[in-house]
Amino acid sequence: DKTYFSGYRHNDLEQYRRGYPGKKDYKDLKDNLKFYKNELKSYPDGDYIENFYKDWWGDYERLERHHGYIQWLFPIRESGMNFHAQELQCHEINGIMDDPKAFERVLKSYEMMLDFYGMELDKKTGRITRAENWKSRFQHLNRSYHNYLRITRILKFLGEFGYENYKRPFVEFVLEEAMEHGTLINTLESCVRYWLETIKSEKDREELKDYVRKIESGYNSPDVEADDSELVSSRKVDKMIEKSNENQKEFSKKNGPEEDLDEASNAEWKRKEEEMKKNSQKEGKEKSESEALEPEKKNKADTGVTGEKLARSDKEQKDVDRLLKDEEERMKASNARRETAMEEEMETATERGNAGTGINPSEIDRKETPMEEGKDTTMERDCAGTRINHSEVDTSRQTGEDQSDSQRTLENSPSPV
């Protein structure tokens, strides 16, 4: 028991009992305080602390398999396996203890985990007793070794928040169950090496060690100072377990054989694991089917959008075509009205010319056609606003020869009055 790990273990526990001398307090770190005030969710995949009590309490599978919540429910001034969780700061301890609701949650968290382990708490004394479901929960704790690390953290956590006097009752209960009743045999080594060592009172530690020595030796321990390194050695722990097995056999002889808890518990857990496996496979299958249908859904969505765009484009094009057709018809009607007006003006001018001079209408130059009073027939606007000189358009219809003859005829004839 003189290895590096043994030295690290003793140094770690010694630093804790001494209050981590020289450790700095960071005032800007407040995650644990906010979590215990129910203002911050734990992460990853966590929840608010009140929801833990509401939804997680009694859900043993979740409490067993989820590993990120322990560092949030039981923060200590050391780093844990969840790097998202923050080390506990001294100012956070004061903040939680000064807030009645937050401080009440300290023991509530402890009670929830005790229920998980098959134990109950007397809040006034800290005394631990068996819960109604202690048989199945003890069997689970006997083989769930990672929970032994959790318990070490929980005991350190209690000491940080003024519940140092709750540690000894817990250690005493486990030692009694392991060494006298043989129910928590596999926890014995962790209890002696770690849980007992979290107790800050040297007197309490020595009394518990003396209890272990007496049980191990059958209450025939010599009145000499014992070697603590021997007390926590693997050899001694093995002997304690052997003694516990003997006690269990003796207990069975007196009270009859107990139910094979390990077999029943294993069967129950196997059933639950199979159920969880089926659920996981079902979820995986549904996810795969959903992923397989995703491209088809996307294509349908894209097709729908494209069709909508095309429909909208067709409608717009039809509207444009209709407007162009209307405009074309309006232009034709306007041109027709303009040509009719021009013809009427020409006929009027011709009649006036014939009446005054007797000249053949075909020889009259349209350029000299008199205008009706108050009406300018020379310049008009078409529907697009373009100015058109009708006299120039009409004149351009004549050939050069006809135009010259008309001009000469007009020069020799008297002007109409």
Protein backbone atom coordinates (compact mmCIF):
# COMPACT_ATOMS: atom_id res chain seq x y z
CA ASP A 1 0.00 0.00 0.00
CA LYS A 2 3.01 2.29 -0.53
CA THR A 3 2.38 2.99 -4.22
CA TYR A 4 2.09 6.38 -5.93
CA PHE A 5 -1.70 6.08 -5.98
CA SER A 6 -1.78 5.40 -2.27
CA GLY A 7 0.32 8.51 -1.62
CA TYR A 8 -1.90 10.58 -3.90
CA ARG A 9 -5.01 9.30 -2.11
CA HIS A 10 -3.73 10.25 1.33
CA ASN A 11 -2.48 13.64 0.11
CA ASP A 12 -5.82 14.37 -1.60
CA LEU A 13 -7.82 13.57 1.53
CA GLU A 14 -5.39 15.48 3.74
CA GLN A 15 -5.71 18.59 1.53
CA TYR A 16 -9.49 18.34 1.78
CA ARG A 17 -9.50 17.98 5.57
CA ARG A 18 -7.21 21.02 5.87
CA GLY A 19 -9.48 23.15 3.67
CA TYR A 20 -7.23 23.27 0.57
CA PRO A 21 -4.61 25.70 1.96
CA GLY A 22 -3.54 28.34 -0.55
CA LYS A 23 -6.39 27.61 -3.00
CA LYS A 24 -7.65 30.80 -4.65
CA ASP A 25 -11.30 31.86 -4.68
CA TYR A 26 -12.52 33.23 -8.04
CA LYS A 27 -15.33 35.73 -7.46
CA ASP A 28 -16.47 35.75 -11.08
CA LEU A 29 -17.29 32.02 -11.07
CA LYS A 30 -20.93 31.59 -10.03
CA ASP A 31 -22.34 28.56 -11.88
CA ASN A 32 -22.82 26.44 -8.75
CA LEU A 33 -24.55 29.28 -6.92
CA LYS A 34 -26.89 29.91 -9.86
CA PHE A 35 -27.62 26.17 -10.18
CA TYR A 36 -28.55 25.83 -6.51
CA LYS A 37 -30.76 28.93 -6.80
CA ASN A 38 -32.56 27.18 -9.67
CA GLU A 39 -31.41 29.84 -12.12
CA LEU A 40 -29.13 27.70 -14.30
CA LYS A 41 -29.41 24.29 -15.95
CA SER A 42 -26.70 21.71 -15.49
CA TYR A 43 -24.99 20.56 -18.66
CA PRO A 44 -24.49 18.57 -20.74
CA ASP A 45 -27.98 17.06 -21.03
CA GLY A 46 -29.02 18.29 -17.59
CA ASP A 47 -31.81 20.28 -16.01
CA TYR A 48 -32.72 22.80 -13.31
CA ILE A 49 -32.16 21.48 -9.78
CA GLU A 50 -35.86 21.51 -8.91
CA ASN A 51 -36.57 19.35 -11.95
CA PHE A 52 -34.02 16.84 -10.67
CA TYR A 53 -36.10 16.37 -7.53
CA LYS A 54 -39.33 16.27 -9.53
CA ASP A 55 -38.36 14.09 -12.51
CA TRP A 56 -35.18 12.22 -11.54
CA TRP A 57 -35.94 11.14 -7.97
CA GLY A 58 -36.61 7.37 -8.04
CA ASP A 59 -35.58 7.04 -11.70
CA TYR A 60 -32.73 4.67 -10.85
CA GLU A 61 -31.76 3.86 -14.42
CA ARG A 62 -31.26 7.52 -15.25
CA LEU A 63 -29.36 8.21 -12.03
CA GLU A 64 -27.13 5.22 -12.72
CA ARG A 65 -26.36 5.83 -16.39
CA HIS A 66 -26.17 9.62 -16.51
CA HIS A 67 -22.75 10.79 -15.33
CA GLY A 68 -22.82 14.57 -15.75
CA TYR A 69 -25.22 15.57 -12.97
CA ILE A 70 -23.15 14.47 -9.94
CA GLN A 71 -20.65 17.34 -10.29
CA TRP A 72 -23.58 19.80 -10.32
CA LEU A 73 -25.60 18.35 -7.45
CA PHE A 74 -22.48 17.85 -5.30
CA PRO A 75 -19.88 20.47 -6.25
CA ILE A 76 -16.59 20.38 -4.35
CA ARG A 77 -13.42 22.42 -4.53
CA GLU A 78 -11.80 19.93 -6.87
CA SER A 79 -12.13 19.19 -10.58
CA GLY A 80 -14.35 16.30 -11.65
CA MET A 81 -14.94 14.17 -14.72
CA ASN A 82 -17.44 16.65 -16.16
CA PHE A 83 -15.33 19.50 -17.56
CA HIS A 84 -18.53 21.55 -18.05
CA ALA A 85 -18.99 21.67 -14.28
CA GLN A 86 -17.17 24.35 -12.33
CA GLU A 87 -15.13 23.87 -9.17
CA LEU A 88 -16.92 25.08 -6.06
CA GLN A 89 -15.78 28.52 -4.84
CA CYS A 90 -15.79 29.75 -1.25
CA HIS A 91 -18.04 32.72 -2.06
CA GLU A 92 -20.53 30.27 -3.62
CA ILE A 93 -20.63 28.25 -0.40
CA ASN A 94 -21.49 31.41 1.54
CA GLY A 95 -24.06 32.44 -1.08
CA ILE A 96 -25.86 29.09 -0.94
CA MET A 97 -25.84 28.94 2.85
CA ASP A 98 -27.21 32.51 3.04
CA ASP A 99 -30.12 31.64 0.74
CA PRO A 100 -32.70 29.55 2.68
CA LYS A 101 -34.16 27.83 -0.39
CA ALA A 102 -30.77 27.08 -1.91
CA PHE A 103 -29.41 25.77 1.40
CA GLU A 104 -32.45 23.53 1.86
CA ARG A 105 -31.56 21.85 -1.43
CA VAL A 106 -28.21 20.68 -0.02
CA LEU A 107 -29.84 18.00 2.14
CA LYS A 108 -32.49 17.34 -0.49
CA SER A 109 -29.79 16.34 -2.97
CA TYR A 110 -28.25 14.05 -0.33
CA GLU A 111 -31.64 12.43 0.35
CA MET A 112 -32.23 11.77 -3.35
CA MET A 113 -28.95 9.86 -3.66
CA LEU A 114 -29.53 7.97 -0.42
CA ASP A 115 -32.84 6.80 -1.88
CA PHE A 116 -30.89 5.64 -4.94
CA TYR A 117 -28.65 3.58 -2.63
CA GLY A 118 -31.58 2.11 -0.63
CA MET A 119 -31.12 4.28 2.46
CA GLU A 120 -33.12 6.85 4.41
CA LEU A 121 -31.96 9.92 6.35
CA ASP A 122 -32.98 11.30 9.73
CA LYS A 123 -32.44 15.01 9.08
CA LYS A 124 -32.13 15.89 12.77
CA THR A 125 -29.33 13.45 13.61
CA GLY A 126 -27.94 12.41 10.25
CA ARG A 127 -28.60 8.77 11.16
CA ILE A 128 -29.01 6.36 8.23
CA THR A 129 -31.47 3.46 8.09
CA ARG A 130 -32.55 0.95 5.47
CA ALA A 131 -35.20 1.98 2.98
CA GLU A 132 -38.05 -0.32 2.00
CA ASN A 133 -36.29 -1.32 -1.24
CA TRP A 134 -32.91 -1.78 0.45
CA LYS A 135 -32.37 -5.37 -0.74
CA SER A 136 -32.40 -4.62 -4.46
CA ARG A 137 -30.59 -1.31 -4.05
CA PHE A 138 -27.84 -2.79 -1.84
CA GLN A 139 -27.24 -5.51 -4.42
CA HIS A 140 -26.92 -2.85 -7.10
CA LEU A 141 -24.52 -0.80 -4.98
CA ASN A 142 -22.42 -3.91 -4.34
CA ARG A 143 -21.54 -4.16 -8.05
CA SER A 144 -21.76 -0.52 -9.19
CA TYR A 145 -18.23 0.55 -8.33
CA HIS A 146 -18.36 3.98 -9.94
CA ASN A 147 -20.88 4.94 -7.27
CA TYR A 148 -18.11 4.59 -4.69
CA LEU A 149 -16.39 7.63 -6.25
CA ARG A 150 -19.73 9.45 -6.14
CA ILE A 151 -20.09 8.75 -2.42
CA THR A 152 -16.61 10.15 -1.72
CA ARG A 153 -17.65 13.36 -3.48
CA ILE A 154 -20.99 13.49 -1.64
CA LEU A 155 -19.29 13.22 1.76
CA LYS A 156 -16.82 15.99 0.87
CA PHE A 157 -19.74 18.11 -0.31
CA LEU A 158 -21.57 17.69 3.02
CA GLY A 159 -18.49 18.88 4.89
CA GLU A 160 -18.27 22.06 2.78
CA PHE A 161 -21.83 23.08 3.72
CA GLY A 162 -21.74 22.55 7.48
CA TYR A 163 -22.95 18.96 7.61
CA GLU A 164 -19.69 17.45 8.80
CA ASN A 165 -21.58 15.64 11.57
CA TYR A 166 -23.56 13.68 8.94
CA LYS A 167 -20.49 11.79 7.69
CA ARG A 168 -19.88 9.53 10.66
CA PRO A 169 -23.45 8.12 10.75
CA PHE A 170 -23.13 7.20 7.07
CA VAL A 171 -19.74 5.47 7.53
CA GLU A 172 -20.98 3.65 10.64
CA PHE A 173 -24.03 2.39 8.77
CA VAL A 174 -21.99 1.05 5.84
CA LEU A 175 -19.41 -0.61 8.11
CA GLU A 176 -22.14 -2.30 10.10
CA GLU A 177 -23.94 -3.54 6.99
CA ALA A 178 -20.70 -4.78 5.44
CA MET A 179 -18.98 -6.33 8.44
CA GLU A 180 -21.86 -7.51 10.62
CA HIS A 181 -24.66 -8.23 8.14
CA GLY A 182 -22.63 -8.97 5.03
CA THR A 183 -24.93 -6.91 2.80
CA LEU A 184 -22.52 -4.28 1.48
CA ILE A 185 -19.36 -6.39 1.39
CA ASN A 186 -17.90 -4.87 -1.77
CA THR A 187 -18.12 -1.33 -0.41
CA LEU A 188 -15.88 -2.14 2.55
CA GLU A 189 -12.55 -1.24 0.98
CA SER A 190 -13.76 2.16 -0.27
CA CYS A 191 -15.46 2.82 3.06
CA VAL A 192 -12.30 2.17 5.06
CA ARG A 193 -9.83 3.81 2.68
CA TYR A 194 -11.80 6.82 1.49
CA TRP A 195 -15.16 7.51 3.11
CA LEU A 196 -13.86 7.20 6.63
CA GLU A 197 -10.91 9.45 5.73
CA THR A 198 -13.16 12.33 4.63
CA ILE A 199 -14.15 12.86 8.30
CA LYS A 200 -12.22 15.87 9.57
CA SER A 201 -12.36 14.96 13.26
CA GLU A 202 -9.33 12.86 14.11
CA LYS A 203 -11.12 11.51 17.18
CA ASP A 204 -14.02 10.24 15.10
CA ARG A 205 -11.68 8.66 12.58
CA GLU A 206 -9.77 6.83 15.30
CA GLU A 207 -12.93 5.53 16.94
CA LEU A 208 -14.17 4.15 13.62
CA LYS A 209 -10.82 2.54 12.90
CA ASP A 210 -10.87 0.92 16.30
CA TYR A 211 -14.33 -0.44 15.52
CA VAL A 212 -12.99 -1.95 12.30
CA ARG A 213 -10.07 -3.55 14.12
CA LYS A 214 -12.35 -5.15 16.70
CA ILE A 215 -14.73 -6.52 14.08
CA GLU A 216 -11.87 -7.84 11.97
CA SER A 217 -10.27 -9.63 14.93
CA GLY A 218 -13.51 -10.89 16.46
CA TYR A 219 -13.45 -8.34 19.28
CA ASN A 220 -10.15 -9.75 20.52
CA SER A 221 -7.96 -6.83 19.49
CA PRO A 222 -4.89 -6.42 21.73
CA ASP A 223 -4.57 -3.25 23.76
CA VAL A 224 -1.72 -1.93 21.63
CA GLU A 225 -1.59 0.93 19.16
CA ALA A 226 -2.51 -0.39 15.72
CA ASP A 227 -0.74 0.37 12.47
CA ASP A 228 -3.09 2.39 10.25
CA SER A 229 -1.27 1.31 7.11
CA GLU A 230 -2.12 -2.28 8.00
CA LEU A 231 -5.71 -1.31 8.75
CA VAL A 232 -6.33 -0.07 5.22
CA SER A 233 -4.13 -2.59 3.41
CA SER A 234 -5.58 -4.95 0.82
CA ARG A 235 -4.71 -7.93 2.98
CA LYS A 236 -6.71 -6.58 5.90
CA VAL A 237 -9.65 -5.67 3.70
CA ASP A 238 -9.68 -9.17 2.24
CA LYS A 239 -9.81 -10.57 5.75
CA MET A 240 -12.71 -8.24 6.57
CA ILE A 241 -14.63 -9.47 3.54
CA GLU A 242 -13.93 -13.07 4.51
CA LYS A 243 -15.21 -12.34 8.00
CA SER A 244 -18.32 -10.69 6.55
CA ASN A 245 -19.02 -13.78 4.47
CA GLU A 246 -18.77 -15.92 7.58
CA ASN A 247 -21.15 -13.59 9.42
CA GLN A 248 -23.59 -13.83 6.53
CA LYS A 249 -23.51 -17.64 6.63
CA GLU A 250 -24.08 -17.59 10.37
CA PHE A 251 -26.98 -15.19 9.90
CA SER A 252 -28.52 -17.49 7.30
CA LYS A 253 -28.30 -20.49 9.63
CA LYS A 254 -30.20 -18.63 12.34
CA ASN A 255 -32.82 -16.93 10.17
CA GLY A 256 -33.07 -19.20 7.17
CA PRO A 257 -31.75 -18.60 3.65
CA GLU A 258 -32.47 -15.18 2.19
CA GLU A 259 -33.69 -14.57 -1.30
CA ASP A 260 -30.96 -14.68 -3.93
CA LEU A 261 -30.95 -10.94 -4.37
CA ASP A 262 -28.08 -10.90 -6.81
CA GLU A 263 -29.78 -13.30 -9.21
CA ALA A 264 -33.13 -11.50 -8.98
CA SER A 265 -31.50 -8.10 -9.40
CA ASN A 266 -29.42 -9.26 -12.34
CA ALA A 267 -32.50 -10.65 -14.04
CA GLU A 268 -34.33 -7.36 -13.50
CA TRP A 269 -31.47 -5.30 -14.82
CA LYS A 270 -31.04 -7.63 -17.76
CA ARG A 271 -34.72 -7.18 -18.60
CA LYS A 272 -34.40 -3.41 -18.34
CA GLU A 273 -31.25 -3.35 -20.43
CA GLU A 274 -32.96 -5.43 -23.13
CA GLU A 275 -35.89 -3.03 -23.07
CA MET A 276 -33.58 -0.03 -23.35
CA LYS A 277 -31.71 -1.75 -26.17
CA LYS A 278 -34.96 -2.35 -28.06
CA ASN A 279 -36.00 1.27 -27.55
CA SER A 280 -32.60 2.44 -28.74
CA GLN A 281 -32.83 0.22 -31.84
CA LYS A 282 -36.36 1.49 -32.51
CA GLU A 283 -35.22 5.09 -32.22
CA GLY A 284 -32.26 4.34 -34.50
CA LYS A 285 -34.53 2.72 -37.08
CA GLU A 286 -36.97 5.64 -36.99
CA LYS A 287 -34.07 8.06 -37.34
CA SER A 288 -32.67 6.12 -40.33
CA GLU A 289 -36.08 6.05 -42.02
CA SER A 290 -36.49 9.75 -41.39
CA GLU A 291 -33.05 10.47 -42.86
CA ALA A 292 -33.84 8.27 -45.89
CA LEU A 293 -37.07 10.18 -46.55
CA GLU A 294 -35.41 13.55 -46.08
CA PRO A 295 -34.11 13.89 -49.71
CA GLU A 296 -37.56 12.96 -51.08
CA LYS A 297 -39.21 15.50 -48.81
CA LYS A 298 -36.70 18.09 -49.89
CA ASN A 299 -37.30 17.35 -53.59
CA LYS A 300 -41.06 17.61 -53.06
CA ALA A 301 -40.61 20.87 -51.26
CA ASP A 302 -38.30 22.20 -54.00
CA THR A 303 -40.74 21.02 -56.71
CA GLY A 304 -43.60 22.72 -54.93
CA VAL A 305 -41.67 25.97 -54.72
CA THR A 306 -40.61 25.75 -58.39
CA GLY A 307 -44.17 25.01 -59.47
CA GLU A 308 -45.41 27.94 -57.46
CA LYS A 309 -42.82 30.18 -59.09
CA LEU A 310 -43.79 28.92 -62.56
CA ALA A 311 -47.48 29.41 -61.85
CA ARG A 312 -46.79 32.88 -60.64
CA SER A 313 -44.63 33.60 -63.76
CA ASP A 314 -47.35 32.30 -66.10
CA LYS A 315 -49.96 34.51 -64.46
CA GLU A 316 -47.69 37.54 -64.69
CA GLN A 317 -46.96 36.80 -68.36
CA LYS A 318 -50.67 36.52 -69.11
CA ASP A 319 -51.28 39.87 -67.45
CA VAL A 320 -48.51 41.47 -69.51
CA ASP A 321 -49.84 39.94 -72.72
CA ARG A 322 -53.32 41.21 -71.93
CA LEU A 323 -52.04 44.73 -71.27
CA LEU A 324 -50.03 44.74 -74.51
CA LYS A 325 -53.05 43.56 -76.48
CA ASP A 326 -55.24 46.25 -74.94
CA GLU A 327 -52.61 48.85 -75.71
CA GLU A 328 -52.34 47.65 -79.32
CA GLU A 329 -56.11 47.83 -79.80
CA ARG A 330 -56.19 51.29 -78.26
CA MET A 331 -53.44 52.44 -80.63
CA LYS A 332 -55.32 51.06 -83.63
CA ALA A 333 -58.52 52.85 -82.58
CA SER A 334 -56.63 56.09 -82.02
CA ASN A 335 -54.97 55.89 -85.45
CA ALA A 336 -58.31 55.13 -87.08
CA ARG A 337 -59.92 58.16 -85.44
CA ARG A 338 -56.99 60.35 -86.50
CA GLU A 339 -57.16 59.19 -90.13
CA THR A 340 -60.93 59.79 -90.23
CA ALA A 341 -60.46 63.33 -88.88
CA MET A 342 -57.77 64.05 -91.49
CA GLU A 343 -59.97 62.81 -94.32
CA GLU A 344 -62.86 64.99 -93.11
CA GLU A 345 -60.57 68.03 -92.94
CA MET A 346 -59.29 67.38 -96.46
CA GLU A 347 -62.83 67.07 -97.84
CA THR A 348 -63.85 70.30 -96.10
CA ALA A 349 -60.83 72.15 -97.50
CA THR A 350 -61.51 70.81 -100.98
CA GLU A 351 -65.12 71.92 -100.93
CA ARG A 352 -64.10 75.43 -99.85
CA GLY A 353 -61.50 75.61 -102.59
CA ASN A 354 -63.90 74.49 -105.29
CA ALA A 355 -66.51 76.94 -104.22
CA GLY A 356 -64.13 79.95 -104.50
CA THR A 357 -61.95 79.11 -107.53
CA GLY A 358 -63.38 76.16 -109.43
CA ILE A 359 -60.06 74.35 -109.22
CA ASN A 360 -59.93 70.53 -109.49
CA PRO A 361 -59.53 69.09 -105.99
CA SER A 362 -56.74 66.77 -107.13
CA GLU A 363 -54.56 69.77 -107.95
CA ILE A 364 -54.81 71.38 -104.54
CA ASP A 365 -51.66 71.07 -102.41
CA ARG A 366 -52.63 69.58 -99.09
CA LYS A 367 -49.95 71.74 -97.53
CA GLU A 368 -52.10 74.83 -98.14
CA THR A 369 -55.38 73.31 -96.90
CA PRO A 370 -57.18 75.88 -94.73
CA MET A 371 -57.70 74.89 -91.09
CA GLU A 372 -60.99 74.89 -89.31
CA GLU A 373 -61.40 77.79 -86.98
CA GLY A 374 -59.84 77.16 -83.58
CA LYS A 375 -58.40 73.75 -84.56
CA ASP A 376 -54.79 72.89 -85.29
CA THR A 377 -54.80 69.95 -87.70
CA THR A 378 -51.09 70.23 -88.48
CA MET A 379 -49.77 68.86 -85.16
CA GLU A 380 -51.38 66.22 -82.92
CA ARG A 381 -50.14 63.75 -80.27
CA ASP A 382 -50.49 60.01 -80.62
CA CYS A 383 -51.27 57.74 -77.60
CA ALA A 384 -47.60 57.50 -76.71
CA GLY A 385 -47.12 61.28 -76.72
CA THR A 386 -45.22 61.48 -80.05
CA ARG A 387 -45.85 64.62 -82.08
CA ILE A 388 -46.79 63.94 -85.76
CA ASN A 389 -46.94 66.55 -88.61
CA HIS A 390 -49.85 65.26 -90.66
CA SER A 391 -49.27 67.75 -93.49
CA GLU A 392 -45.74 66.41 -93.99
CA VAL A 393 -46.98 62.84 -93.90
CA ASP A 394 -49.67 63.61 -96.51
CA THR A 395 -47.30 65.55 -98.68
CA SER A 396 -44.80 62.71 -98.76
CA ARG A 397 -47.41 60.54 -100.45
CA GLN A 398 -47.18 62.59 -103.63
CA THR A 399 -44.48 62.06 -106.22
CA GLY A 400 -41.97 64.80 -106.88
CA GLU A 401 -43.53 65.57 -110.26
CA ASP A 402 -47.06 65.90 -108.93
CA GLN A 403 -45.80 68.11 -106.14
CA SER A 404 -44.12 70.54 -108.59
CA ASP A 405 -47.21 70.73 -110.83
CA SER A 406 -49.45 71.50 -107.90
CA GLN A 407 -47.11 74.23 -106.67
CA ARG A 408 -47.02 75.89 -110.12
CA THR A 409 -50.85 75.72 -110.41
CA LEU A 410 -51.28 77.37 -107.04
CA GLU A 411 -48.80 80.15 -107.85
CA ASN A 412 -50.82 81.16 -110.98
CA SER A 413 -54.22 80.88 -109.35
CA PRO A 414 -55.83 83.54 -107.16
CA SER A 415 -55.96 82.83 -103.50
CA PRO A 416 -59.35 81.93 -102.10
CA VAL A 417 -61.25 84.54 -100.16
